[in-house]
Amino acid sequence: MEYTDTKQIADQSLDFPATHTAVVEQIGAVEVTSPSGGSVTVQEILDSVGEESYPTSDALYAAIVGNLDETFIGRKYYDDRGSTSFEAGEDDSTVSF
């Protein structure tokens, strides 16, 4: 499943506040798939967090999303806004916002 689905799974499977142990027992084996095709379990994601409990599903979701590794990032260093750097001697009065 995609990481965006973890909040819905948590809402359906857990009562909040939920302890770390309850989260791992209920949804720890759920695999979250990265865009590159790899996967990791919810338990593997949360093992590095160190939280004892999660007061809401939003807090659990934030813990999951905030601890995903770089394989869950799209194209690394991609910027679709274009370059904002100026060459030496370039007139910055032509910049359009």
C-alpha atoms as a PDB file:
ATOM      1  CA  MET A   1       0.000   0.000   0.000  1.00  0.00           C
ATOM      2  CA  GLU A   2       1.067   3.600  -0.400  1.00  0.00           C
ATOM      3  CA  TYR A   3       2.102   5.572   2.677  1.00  0.00           C
ATOM      4  CA  THR A   4      -0.888   7.883   2.212  1.00  0.00           C
ATOM      5  CA  ASP A   5      -3.179   4.946   3.030  1.00  0.00           C
ATOM      6  CA  THR A   6      -1.669   4.390   6.483  1.00  0.00           C
ATOM      7  CA  LYS A   7      -3.898   6.990   8.143  1.00  0.00           C
ATOM      8  CA  GLN A   8      -7.043   5.242   6.921  1.00  0.00           C
ATOM      9  CA  ILE A   9      -5.707   1.838   8.045  1.00  0.00           C
ATOM     10  CA  ALA A  10      -4.865   3.286  11.466  1.00  0.00           C
ATOM     11  CA  ASP A  11      -8.323   4.854  11.814  1.00  0.00           C
ATOM     12  CA  GLN A  12     -10.000   1.546  10.956  1.00  0.00           C
ATOM     13  CA  SER A  13      -7.744  -0.710  13.040  1.00  0.00           C
ATOM     14  CA  LEU A  14      -6.906   1.220  16.200  1.00  0.00           C
ATOM     15  CA  ASP A  15      -8.531   3.113  19.039  1.00  0.00           C
ATOM     16  CA  PHE A  16      -6.701   6.282  20.076  1.00  0.00           C
ATOM     17  CA  PRO A  17      -4.758   7.031  22.124  1.00  0.00           C
ATOM     18  CA  ALA A  18      -2.821   3.919  21.086  1.00  0.00           C
ATOM     19  CA  THR A  19       0.364   2.539  22.577  1.00  0.00           C
ATOM     20  CA  HIS A  20       3.348   1.714  20.404  1.00  0.00           C
ATOM     21  CA  THR A  21       2.840  -1.958  21.263  1.00  0.00           C
ATOM     22  CA  ALA A  22      -0.810  -1.875  20.138  1.00  0.00           C
ATOM     23  CA  VAL A  23       0.138  -0.187  16.862  1.00  0.00           C
ATOM     24  CA  VAL A  24       2.799  -2.810  16.145  1.00  0.00           C
ATOM     25  CA  GLU A  25       0.434  -5.664  17.048  1.00  0.00           C
ATOM     26  CA  GLN A  26      -2.438  -4.344  14.913  1.00  0.00           C
ATOM     27  CA  ILE A  27      -0.753  -2.853  11.835  1.00  0.00           C
ATOM     28  CA  GLY A  28       2.977  -3.482  12.268  1.00  0.00           C
ATOM     29  CA  ALA A  29       3.087  -6.107   9.497  1.00  0.00           C
ATOM     30  CA  VAL A  30       1.450  -3.800   6.945  1.00  0.00           C
ATOM     31  CA  GLU A  31       3.898  -3.127   4.118  1.00  0.00           C
ATOM     32  CA  VAL A  32       4.276   0.381   2.761  1.00  0.00           C
ATOM     33  CA  THR A  33       5.521   0.480  -0.825  1.00  0.00           C
ATOM     34  CA  SER A  34       7.843   3.191  -2.115  1.00  0.00           C
ATOM     35  CA  PRO A  35       7.566   4.694  -5.600  1.00  0.00           C
ATOM     36  CA  SER A  36      10.757   2.843  -6.556  1.00  0.00           C
ATOM     37  CA  GLY A  37       9.077  -0.487  -5.763  1.00  0.00           C
ATOM     38  CA  GLY A  38      10.709  -1.358  -2.445  1.00  0.00           C
ATOM     39  CA  SER A  39       8.682  -1.837   0.704  1.00  0.00           C
ATOM     40  CA  VAL A  40       9.037  -1.519   4.445  1.00  0.00           C
ATOM     41  CA  THR A  41       6.681  -2.508   7.268  1.00  0.00           C
ATOM     42  CA  VAL A  42       5.024  -0.059   9.625  1.00  0.00           C
ATOM     43  CA  GLN A  43       6.920  -1.726  12.468  1.00  0.00           C
ATOM     44  CA  GLU A  44      10.265  -1.113  10.748  1.00  0.00           C
ATOM     45  CA  ILE A  45       9.347   2.546  10.272  1.00  0.00           C
ATOM     46  CA  LEU A  46       8.228   3.058  13.868  1.00  0.00           C
ATOM     47  CA  ASP A  47      11.044   1.119  15.558  1.00  0.00           C
ATOM     48  CA  SER A  48      13.330   4.131  15.170  1.00  0.00           C
ATOM     49  CA  VAL A  49      10.756   6.617  16.491  1.00  0.00           C
ATOM     50  CA  GLY A  50      10.934   5.848  20.203  1.00  0.00           C
ATOM     51  CA  GLU A  51       7.377   6.978  20.981  1.00  0.00           C
ATOM     52  CA  GLU A  52       5.503   5.120  23.709  1.00  0.00           C
ATOM     53  CA  SER A  53       2.055   6.150  22.500  1.00  0.00           C
ATOM     54  CA  TYR A  54       0.243   8.080  19.798  1.00  0.00           C
ATOM     55  CA  PRO A  55      -2.603  10.341  20.977  1.00  0.00           C
ATOM     56  CA  THR A  56      -4.364  10.530  17.594  1.00  0.00           C
ATOM     57  CA  SER A  57      -4.248   8.917  14.168  1.00  0.00           C
ATOM     58  CA  ASP A  58      -2.769  12.192  12.894  1.00  0.00           C
ATOM     59  CA  ALA A  59       0.140  11.828  15.325  1.00  0.00           C
ATOM     60  CA  LEU A  60       0.710   8.246  14.199  1.00  0.00           C
ATOM     61  CA  TYR A  61       0.546   9.251  10.540  1.00  0.00           C
ATOM     62  CA  ALA A  62       3.050  12.065  11.162  1.00  0.00           C
ATOM     63  CA  ALA A  63       5.403   9.590  12.857  1.00  0.00           C
ATOM     64  CA  ILE A  64       5.148   7.208   9.915  1.00  0.00           C
ATOM     65  CA  VAL A  65       5.546   9.811   7.174  1.00  0.00           C
ATOM     66  CA  GLY A  66       8.276  11.671   9.029  1.00  0.00           C
ATOM     67  CA  ASN A  67      10.416   8.549   9.295  1.00  0.00           C
ATOM     68  CA  LEU A  68      10.214   7.219   5.761  1.00  0.00           C
ATOM     69  CA  ASP A  69      13.577   6.857   4.061  1.00  0.00           C
ATOM     70  CA  GLU A  70      14.727   8.580   0.884  1.00  0.00           C
ATOM     71  CA  THR A  71      13.269   5.899  -1.383  1.00  0.00           C
ATOM     72  CA  PHE A  72       9.868   7.485  -0.717  1.00  0.00           C
ATOM     73  CA  ILE A  73      11.021  10.821  -2.133  1.00  0.00           C
ATOM     74  CA  GLY A  74      10.310  11.399  -5.798  1.00  0.00           C
ATOM     75  CA  ARG A  75      13.167  12.457  -8.026  1.00  0.00           C
ATOM     76  CA  LYS A  76      15.858  13.630  -5.666  1.00  0.00           C
ATOM     77  CA  TYR A  77      16.805  17.322  -5.989  1.00  0.00           C
ATOM     78  CA  TYR A  78      14.120  17.867  -8.643  1.00  0.00           C
ATOM     79  CA  ASP A  79      12.803  21.413  -8.885  1.00  0.00           C
ATOM     80  CA  ASP A  80       9.945  22.189 -11.257  1.00  0.00           C
ATOM     81  CA  ARG A  81      10.071  25.910 -10.504  1.00  0.00           C
ATOM     82  CA  GLY A  82      13.132  26.617 -12.603  1.00  0.00           C
ATOM     83  CA  SER A  83      16.377  28.207 -11.669  1.00  0.00           C
ATOM     84  CA  THR A  84      16.467  31.347  -9.562  1.00  0.00           C
ATOM     85  CA  SER A  85      20.198  31.927  -9.789  1.00  0.00           C
ATOM     86  CA  PHE A  86      21.550  34.871 -11.787  1.00  0.00           C
ATOM     87  CA  GLU A  87      24.628  34.965 -13.949  1.00  0.00           C
ATOM     88  CA  ALA A  88      27.159  37.701 -13.272  1.00  0.00           C
ATOM     89  CA  GLY A  89      26.131  40.875 -15.086  1.00  0.00           C
ATOM     90  CA  GLU A  90      22.564  39.717 -15.674  1.00  0.00           C
ATOM     91  CA  ASP A  91      19.883  42.375 -15.235  1.00  0.00           C
ATOM     92  CA  ASP A  92      17.503  41.285 -12.443  1.00  0.00           C
ATOM     93  CA  SER A  93      14.837  43.777 -13.505  1.00  0.00           C
ATOM     94  CA  THR A  94      13.515  41.188 -16.001  1.00  0.00           C
ATOM     95  CA  VAL A  95      12.484  38.747 -13.292  1.00  0.00           C
ATOM     96  CA  SER A  96       8.770  38.038 -13.413  1.00  0.00           C
ATOM     97  CA  PHE A  97       6.701  36.836 -10.497  1.00  0.00           C
END
